[in-house]
Amino acid sequence: MSNNVLILAERAGDKLALVSSELCGIGRKLADEKGGSLVALLLGGAGTHELAKGIIALGADKVLAAESDILDGYTNAAYLKVIDAVLGEENPNILLVANTSMGRDVAPRLAFRHNACYAHDCTDLSIEDGKLAAIRPVHGGSAISHIRSKTDSLSIASTRAKALPLADIEEGREGEFMEIGVSVDADEIRMHFVEAKKVEAEGVRLEDAEIVVSGGRGLGGPENFEYLQELAKVLKAAVGASRAAVDAGWVPTPMQVGQTGKIVSPNLYIAVGISGAMQHMVGAGPSKNIVAINTDAEAPIFQRARYGIVGDYKKVIPALTEKCKELMDS
C-alpha cells in the first residue's frame, strides 16, 4: 500500500465544487505528513476532463478524470464501479470525500467493500503515529470526538462542508493528468438519473452566506419573519429557520437549518426565537459566532452563543437593524 491520499472531487455544474478545493487543502496536508502524493479523481459527463485539469493548481500531484455520459448525474452503481477500479489501481492509504449527498452514499459502501475504517462528517484531520486521526462533532455538536484509525491499510473520511479552508491556488503548477476509461454496462445500472431541479433562491444562498439570520417558533407567526428579512437586507445576509417554523408552515423547507435541514457555517449566525435544541445546533453549530435573541434566559441556545440578548425581538431587531444601517452608511 502506498502513502498516497486520494480525494473524490466533485462538480457543481460547469465548475469544480468548492468542496473539491477544501478536500485538496486537507489532502495536501495529509499527503505531506505521510510522505506520499495527493491524487484526485473527478467523475462526470461532458467537460469533466477540462475541469479536472484545474485540480492540479489546487495542490494535486496526479489527477484522474473519468468522463462518460453514464456518469452525467450521480448513480451509485456506476460511480462505485469506477472508484473501486481506481482504489485497486492507486492503492491509497487514505480516501477523502466531502460530506455531500454523493459522499454520504459512496463512503460507507466503499468502507464496507474494502474493510476500511471510516470517519464521518469530520471538521479536522491529521496523522497520528502514521494513522489517520479525525475530529468530529457528536451529540448535536455539544461534544467533540477525537478518533483514530485502527488499521495501517485504507482509511476513509468524509469532511464537513466549510469546516476546512480552501486550498491555495498555484497557477502554473505542474502535475500528472490522466484520462481513465469507463467500462460500465448500462444493464448494470438499476437506478437512473433523470434530472436535477435547482431551487432558485432570492438574495444570498443560505449555504454560502457569511451572515445568517434565523427565526424559530418564538417569532409567533409567519408574518414576523419580515423583521428578519429587513435585518438581513441591511446585512446582506441569508434568512434561515428552525424546523419548528418550517413544520408550522411559516416558511418553505429550503430555509431550514438543522439535522434534517442545511448545515451552515457563517461568520455570524443570529438566532431569533430559537431555543437551541440539539437537532438545530447540528446545522448551526459550525457557525463562527452565534448571537442569540430570546425571551427565555434559560434557553439552551445561550450556552452556545458568544453573545446573548434576553428580550423581546420585536424591540431588539428593529433597534439592531437601525443601528446596522447607520454603521453601514458611515
Protein backbone atom coordinates (compact mmCIF):
# COMPACT_ATOMS: atom_id res chain seq x y z
CA MET A 1 0.00 0.00 0.00
CA SER A 2 1.23 3.47 -0.93
CA ASN A 3 1.32 6.52 1.35
CA ASN A 4 -0.81 8.42 -1.12
CA VAL A 5 -4.02 10.30 -0.35
CA LEU A 6 -6.89 10.04 -2.84
CA ILE A 7 -9.68 12.63 -2.89
CA LEU A 8 -13.02 12.32 -4.66
CA ALA A 9 -13.53 15.74 -6.20
CA GLU A 10 -16.98 16.94 -7.27
CA ARG A 11 -18.51 19.09 -9.99
CA ALA A 12 -21.05 21.86 -9.48
CA GLY A 13 -22.48 22.30 -12.94
CA ASP A 14 -19.75 23.59 -15.22
CA LYS A 15 -17.38 24.37 -12.32
CA LEU A 16 -15.49 22.50 -9.66
CA ALA A 17 -17.45 22.39 -6.42
CA LEU A 18 -15.92 24.34 -3.52
CA VAL A 19 -15.69 21.10 -1.55
CA SER A 20 -13.10 19.94 -4.09
CA SER A 21 -10.84 22.81 -3.02
CA GLU A 22 -11.43 22.01 0.65
CA LEU A 23 -10.51 18.36 0.03
CA CYS A 24 -7.36 19.41 -1.84
CA GLY A 25 -6.31 21.63 1.05
CA ILE A 26 -6.57 18.94 3.73
CA GLY A 27 -5.47 16.20 1.34
CA ARG A 28 -2.26 18.08 0.52
CA LYS A 29 -1.51 18.44 4.24
CA LEU A 30 -2.08 14.74 4.94
CA ALA A 31 -0.09 13.61 1.91
CA ASP A 32 2.87 15.72 3.03
CA GLU A 33 2.65 14.27 6.54
CA LYS A 34 2.52 10.74 5.14
CA GLY A 35 5.34 11.39 2.68
CA GLY A 36 3.11 10.48 -0.24
CA SER A 37 1.34 12.11 -3.19
CA LEU A 38 -2.07 13.72 -3.49
CA VAL A 39 -4.21 12.04 -6.14
CA ALA A 40 -7.58 13.48 -7.21
CA LEU A 41 -10.40 11.70 -9.01
CA LEU A 42 -13.22 13.54 -10.81
CA LEU A 43 -16.17 11.79 -12.43
CA GLY A 44 -18.89 13.23 -14.62
CA GLY A 45 -20.29 13.88 -18.05
CA ALA A 46 -19.06 16.14 -20.83
CA GLY A 47 -16.47 18.72 -19.77
CA THR A 48 -15.07 16.66 -16.89
CA HIS A 49 -11.62 16.31 -18.45
CA GLU A 50 -11.10 20.07 -18.71
CA LEU A 51 -12.43 20.73 -15.21
CA ALA A 52 -10.18 18.05 -13.76
CA LYS A 53 -7.04 19.73 -15.08
CA GLY A 54 -7.75 22.67 -12.77
CA ILE A 55 -7.30 20.47 -9.70
CA ILE A 56 -3.53 20.42 -10.25
CA ALA A 57 -3.40 24.13 -9.38
CA LEU A 58 -5.14 23.26 -6.09
CA GLY A 59 -2.29 21.02 -4.98
CA ALA A 60 -2.88 17.62 -6.61
CA ASP A 61 0.18 15.74 -7.87
CA LYS A 62 -1.92 13.47 -10.07
CA VAL A 63 -5.41 13.93 -11.43
CA LEU A 64 -7.61 11.16 -12.83
CA ALA A 65 -10.65 12.10 -14.91
CA ALA A 66 -13.49 9.75 -15.85
CA GLU A 67 -15.79 11.31 -18.45
CA SER A 68 -18.80 9.45 -19.79
CA ASP A 69 -22.48 10.00 -20.49
CA ILE A 70 -23.28 7.28 -17.96
CA LEU A 71 -21.58 9.41 -15.28
CA ASP A 72 -23.58 12.52 -16.17
CA GLY A 73 -25.67 12.57 -13.00
CA TYR A 74 -24.83 10.51 -9.94
CA THR A 75 -25.83 6.85 -9.72
CA ASN A 76 -24.04 4.80 -7.08
CA ALA A 77 -23.63 1.65 -9.21
CA ALA A 78 -21.76 3.50 -11.97
CA TYR A 79 -19.68 5.70 -9.69
CA LEU A 80 -18.76 2.88 -7.32
CA LYS A 81 -17.50 0.71 -10.16
CA VAL A 82 -15.15 3.46 -11.35
CA ILE A 83 -13.98 4.39 -7.84
CA ASP A 84 -13.42 0.73 -6.95
CA ALA A 85 -11.20 0.32 -10.00
CA VAL A 86 -9.19 3.43 -9.09
CA LEU A 87 -8.74 2.26 -5.50
CA GLY A 88 -7.39 -1.04 -6.77
CA GLU A 89 -5.00 0.68 -9.16
CA GLU A 90 -3.79 3.51 -6.92
CA ASN A 91 -3.90 1.60 -3.60
CA PRO A 92 -4.01 4.79 -1.45
CA ASN A 93 -3.64 4.83 2.31
CA ILE A 94 -6.39 7.45 2.74
CA LEU A 95 -9.54 8.26 0.76
CA LEU A 96 -11.27 11.60 1.39
CA VAL A 97 -14.77 12.52 0.26
CA ALA A 98 -16.98 15.50 1.04
CA ASN A 99 -20.00 15.07 3.30
CA THR A 100 -22.37 15.77 0.41
CA SER A 101 -25.27 13.65 -0.81
CA MET A 102 -22.84 11.77 -3.06
CA GLY A 103 -20.13 11.43 -0.43
CA ARG A 104 -22.56 10.19 2.20
CA ASP A 105 -23.71 7.49 -0.21
CA VAL A 106 -20.39 6.21 -1.57
CA ALA A 107 -18.14 6.42 1.52
CA PRO A 108 -19.82 3.79 3.74
CA ARG A 109 -20.27 1.47 0.76
CA LEU A 110 -16.57 1.71 -0.07
CA ALA A 111 -15.59 1.28 3.59
CA PHE A 112 -17.62 -1.95 3.75
CA ARG A 113 -16.25 -3.29 0.47
CA HIS A 114 -12.62 -2.60 1.40
CA ASN A 115 -12.87 -3.37 5.13
CA ALA A 116 -11.67 0.18 5.82
CA CYS A 117 -12.01 2.40 8.87
CA TYR A 118 -14.49 5.20 8.23
CA ALA A 119 -14.86 8.59 9.96
CA HIS A 120 -17.95 10.61 9.05
CA ASP A 121 -18.55 14.40 8.98
CA CYS A 122 -15.07 15.43 10.13
CA THR A 123 -14.06 19.01 10.89
CA ASP A 124 -10.32 18.31 11.06
CA LEU A 125 -7.93 15.54 10.05
CA SER A 126 -4.31 14.75 10.88
CA ILE A 127 -1.79 11.92 11.02
CA GLU A 128 -1.02 10.37 14.42
CA ASP A 129 1.52 7.56 14.69
CA GLY A 130 1.19 7.04 10.97
CA LYS A 131 -2.59 6.61 11.08
CA LEU A 132 -5.45 8.89 10.12
CA ALA A 133 -6.91 10.81 13.09
CA ALA A 134 -10.13 12.81 12.94
CA ILE A 135 -12.07 15.42 14.89
CA ARG A 136 -15.85 15.22 14.52
CA PRO A 137 -18.80 16.77 16.39
CA VAL A 138 -21.13 14.36 18.22
CA HIS A 139 -24.38 14.67 20.19
CA GLY A 140 -25.60 17.51 18.01
CA GLY A 141 -22.36 19.41 18.30
CA SER A 142 -22.45 19.54 22.10
CA ALA A 143 -19.30 17.40 22.28
CA ILE A 144 -16.25 16.75 20.13
CA SER A 145 -14.94 13.26 19.39
CA HIS A 146 -11.25 12.58 18.66
CA ILE A 147 -10.84 9.26 16.87
CA ARG A 148 -8.04 7.41 15.13
CA SER A 149 -7.93 4.64 12.54
CA LYS A 150 -7.17 1.15 13.86
CA THR A 151 -5.59 -0.03 10.64
CA ASP A 152 -2.49 0.69 8.59
CA SER A 153 -4.47 -0.08 5.45
CA LEU A 154 -7.15 2.05 3.79
CA SER A 155 -8.91 4.69 5.93
CA ILE A 156 -11.84 6.73 4.64
CA ALA A 157 -13.13 10.05 5.94
CA SER A 158 -15.83 12.49 4.89
CA THR A 159 -15.34 16.19 5.62
CA ARG A 160 -17.97 18.72 6.64
CA ALA A 161 -18.51 21.48 4.09
CA LYS A 162 -16.92 24.84 5.01
CA ALA A 163 -15.26 23.37 8.09
CA LEU A 164 -11.85 23.29 6.37
CA PRO A 165 -10.05 26.09 4.50
CA LEU A 166 -9.89 26.23 0.72
CA ALA A 167 -6.66 25.17 -0.96
CA ASP A 168 -4.24 27.81 -2.14
CA ILE A 169 -4.29 28.23 -5.91
CA GLU A 170 -0.90 27.91 -7.56
CA GLU A 171 -1.21 28.86 -11.22
CA GLY A 172 1.23 27.07 -13.49
CA ARG A 173 1.75 24.23 -11.05
CA GLU A 174 2.75 21.01 -12.81
CA GLY A 175 1.25 17.61 -12.20
CA GLU A 176 0.24 14.41 -13.96
CA PHE A 177 -3.12 14.27 -15.75
CA MET A 178 -4.69 11.01 -16.89
CA GLU A 179 -7.98 10.19 -18.60
CA ILE A 180 -9.33 6.87 -17.36
CA GLY A 181 -11.66 4.61 -19.27
CA VAL A 182 -15.20 3.93 -18.08
CA SER A 183 -16.36 0.37 -18.67
CA VAL A 184 -19.81 0.37 -17.12
CA ASP A 185 -22.57 -1.63 -18.81
CA ALA A 186 -25.88 0.23 -18.82
CA ASP A 187 -27.61 -3.04 -17.91
CA GLU A 188 -25.76 -2.99 -14.57
CA ILE A 189 -27.38 0.29 -13.58
CA ARG A 190 -30.68 -0.23 -11.78
CA MET A 191 -31.09 3.39 -10.76
CA HIS A 192 -31.13 6.04 -13.49
CA PHE A 193 -30.51 9.74 -13.15
CA VAL A 194 -33.44 11.65 -14.64
CA GLU A 195 -32.85 15.35 -13.96
CA ALA A 196 -31.68 17.85 -11.37
CA LYS A 197 -34.02 20.67 -10.37
CA LYS A 198 -32.40 23.70 -8.84
CA VAL A 199 -34.40 25.81 -6.42
CA GLU A 200 -33.82 29.45 -7.23
CA ALA A 201 -33.31 31.47 -4.06
CA GLU A 202 -33.70 35.22 -3.73
CA GLY A 203 -30.64 37.03 -2.44
CA VAL A 204 -27.78 35.20 -0.77
CA ARG A 205 -27.84 31.38 -0.75
CA LEU A 206 -28.13 30.02 2.78
CA GLU A 207 -25.18 27.64 2.36
CA ASP A 208 -22.88 30.38 1.02
CA ALA A 209 -23.84 33.24 3.32
CA GLU A 210 -21.30 34.88 5.61
CA ILE A 211 -24.17 36.09 7.81
CA VAL A 212 -27.37 34.16 8.55
CA VAL A 213 -30.41 35.46 10.42
CA SER A 214 -32.66 32.59 11.55
CA GLY A 215 -36.06 32.55 13.20
CA GLY A 216 -37.86 29.91 15.24
CA ARG A 217 -41.15 29.19 16.94
CA GLY A 218 -40.57 32.18 19.24
CA LEU A 219 -41.41 34.55 16.38
CA GLY A 220 -45.05 33.65 16.84
CA GLY A 221 -46.11 33.57 13.19
CA PRO A 222 -45.01 33.75 9.53
CA GLU A 223 -45.65 37.49 9.24
CA ASN A 224 -42.95 38.20 11.81
CA PHE A 225 -40.20 36.89 9.53
CA GLU A 226 -40.41 40.37 7.99
CA TYR A 227 -38.37 41.61 10.95
CA LEU A 228 -35.60 39.19 9.97
CA GLN A 229 -35.89 39.98 6.27
CA GLU A 230 -35.33 43.66 6.97
CA LEU A 231 -32.22 42.99 9.07
CA ALA A 232 -30.91 40.50 6.52
CA LYS A 233 -31.34 43.06 3.74
CA VAL A 234 -29.18 45.55 5.63
CA LEU A 235 -26.50 42.97 6.47
CA LYS A 236 -26.65 41.30 3.04
CA ALA A 237 -27.43 38.10 4.89
CA ALA A 238 -29.46 34.97 4.22
CA VAL A 239 -32.57 34.12 6.22
CA GLY A 240 -32.96 30.69 7.79
CA ALA A 241 -35.38 28.97 10.11
CA SER A 242 -35.70 26.21 12.66
CA ARG A 243 -37.61 23.02 11.91
CA ALA A 244 -40.44 24.19 14.17
CA ALA A 245 -41.01 27.22 11.96
CA VAL A 246 -40.89 25.07 8.82
CA ASP A 247 -43.21 22.40 10.23
CA ALA A 248 -45.67 25.13 11.18
CA GLY A 249 -45.79 26.17 7.51
CA TRP A 250 -44.42 29.63 8.21
CA VAL A 251 -41.51 29.34 5.75
CA PRO A 252 -40.51 26.87 2.99
CA THR A 253 -38.35 23.81 3.65
CA PRO A 254 -35.23 25.14 1.80
CA MET A 255 -34.84 27.68 4.64
CA GLN A 256 -34.50 25.02 7.32
CA VAL A 257 -31.24 24.84 9.28
CA GLY A 258 -30.56 21.73 11.33
CA GLN A 259 -30.08 17.99 11.36
CA THR A 260 -32.79 17.42 8.76
CA GLY A 261 -32.12 20.72 7.01
CA LYS A 262 -28.99 22.55 5.91
CA ILE A 263 -25.67 22.82 7.69
CA VAL A 264 -24.30 26.35 7.66
CA SER A 265 -21.03 27.80 8.91
CA PRO A 266 -21.24 31.59 8.51
CA ASN A 267 -19.06 34.07 10.32
CA LEU A 268 -22.19 35.33 12.12
CA TYR A 269 -25.37 33.42 12.96
CA ILE A 270 -28.19 35.42 14.57
CA ALA A 271 -30.76 33.10 16.17
CA VAL A 272 -34.06 34.81 16.93
CA GLY A 273 -36.69 32.99 18.95
CA ILE A 274 -34.80 29.70 18.63
CA SER A 275 -34.43 27.55 21.72
CA GLY A 276 -31.23 25.86 20.56
CA ALA A 277 -32.34 22.21 20.52
CA MET A 278 -29.67 19.68 19.61
CA GLN A 279 -31.24 18.99 16.20
CA HIS A 280 -30.99 22.66 15.25
CA MET A 281 -27.44 23.07 16.53
CA VAL A 282 -26.24 20.25 14.27
CA GLY A 283 -26.88 22.68 11.42
CA ALA A 284 -25.95 25.96 13.12
CA GLY A 285 -23.17 24.73 15.39
CA PRO A 286 -20.31 25.24 12.88
CA SER A 287 -21.01 29.00 12.84
CA LYS A 288 -18.01 31.09 13.92
CA ASN A 289 -20.08 33.46 16.09
CA ILE A 290 -23.62 32.92 17.36
CA VAL A 291 -25.82 35.73 18.65
CA ALA A 292 -28.98 34.58 20.44
CA ILE A 293 -32.08 36.70 20.97
CA ASN A 294 -34.71 35.06 23.17
CA THR A 295 -37.11 35.94 25.96
CA ASP A 296 -36.17 32.78 27.87
CA ALA A 297 -32.90 33.34 29.72
CA GLU A 298 -32.63 29.57 30.30
CA ALA A 299 -32.86 28.64 26.62
CA PRO A 300 -30.08 26.18 25.60
CA ILE A 301 -29.06 28.48 22.73
CA PHE A 302 -27.36 30.80 25.23
CA GLN A 303 -24.92 28.02 26.16
CA ARG A 304 -23.62 28.02 22.58
CA ALA A 305 -23.87 31.74 21.86
CA ARG A 306 -20.95 34.15 22.07
CA TYR A 307 -23.40 37.00 22.65
CA GLY A 308 -26.92 36.78 24.06
CA ILE A 309 -29.80 39.19 24.40
CA VAL A 310 -32.71 38.35 26.70
CA GLY A 311 -35.61 40.38 25.44
CA ASP A 312 -38.47 40.86 23.00
CA TYR A 313 -37.17 40.52 19.45
CA LYS A 314 -39.84 42.98 18.24
CA LYS A 315 -37.94 45.65 20.14
CA VAL A 316 -34.42 44.28 19.70
CA ILE A 317 -34.43 43.56 15.95
CA PRO A 318 -35.72 46.99 14.77
CA ALA A 319 -33.17 48.73 17.00
CA LEU A 320 -30.41 46.43 15.73
CA THR A 321 -31.49 46.98 12.13
CA GLU A 322 -31.43 50.75 12.53
CA LYS A 323 -28.01 50.70 14.17
CA CYS A 324 -26.61 48.45 11.44
CA LYS A 325 -27.96 50.88 8.81
CA GLU A 326 -26.13 53.73 10.50
CA LEU A 327 -22.89 51.77 10.65
CA MET A 328 -23.17 50.59 7.04
CA ASP A 329 -23.83 54.13 5.81
CA SER A 330 -21.00 55.72 7.77
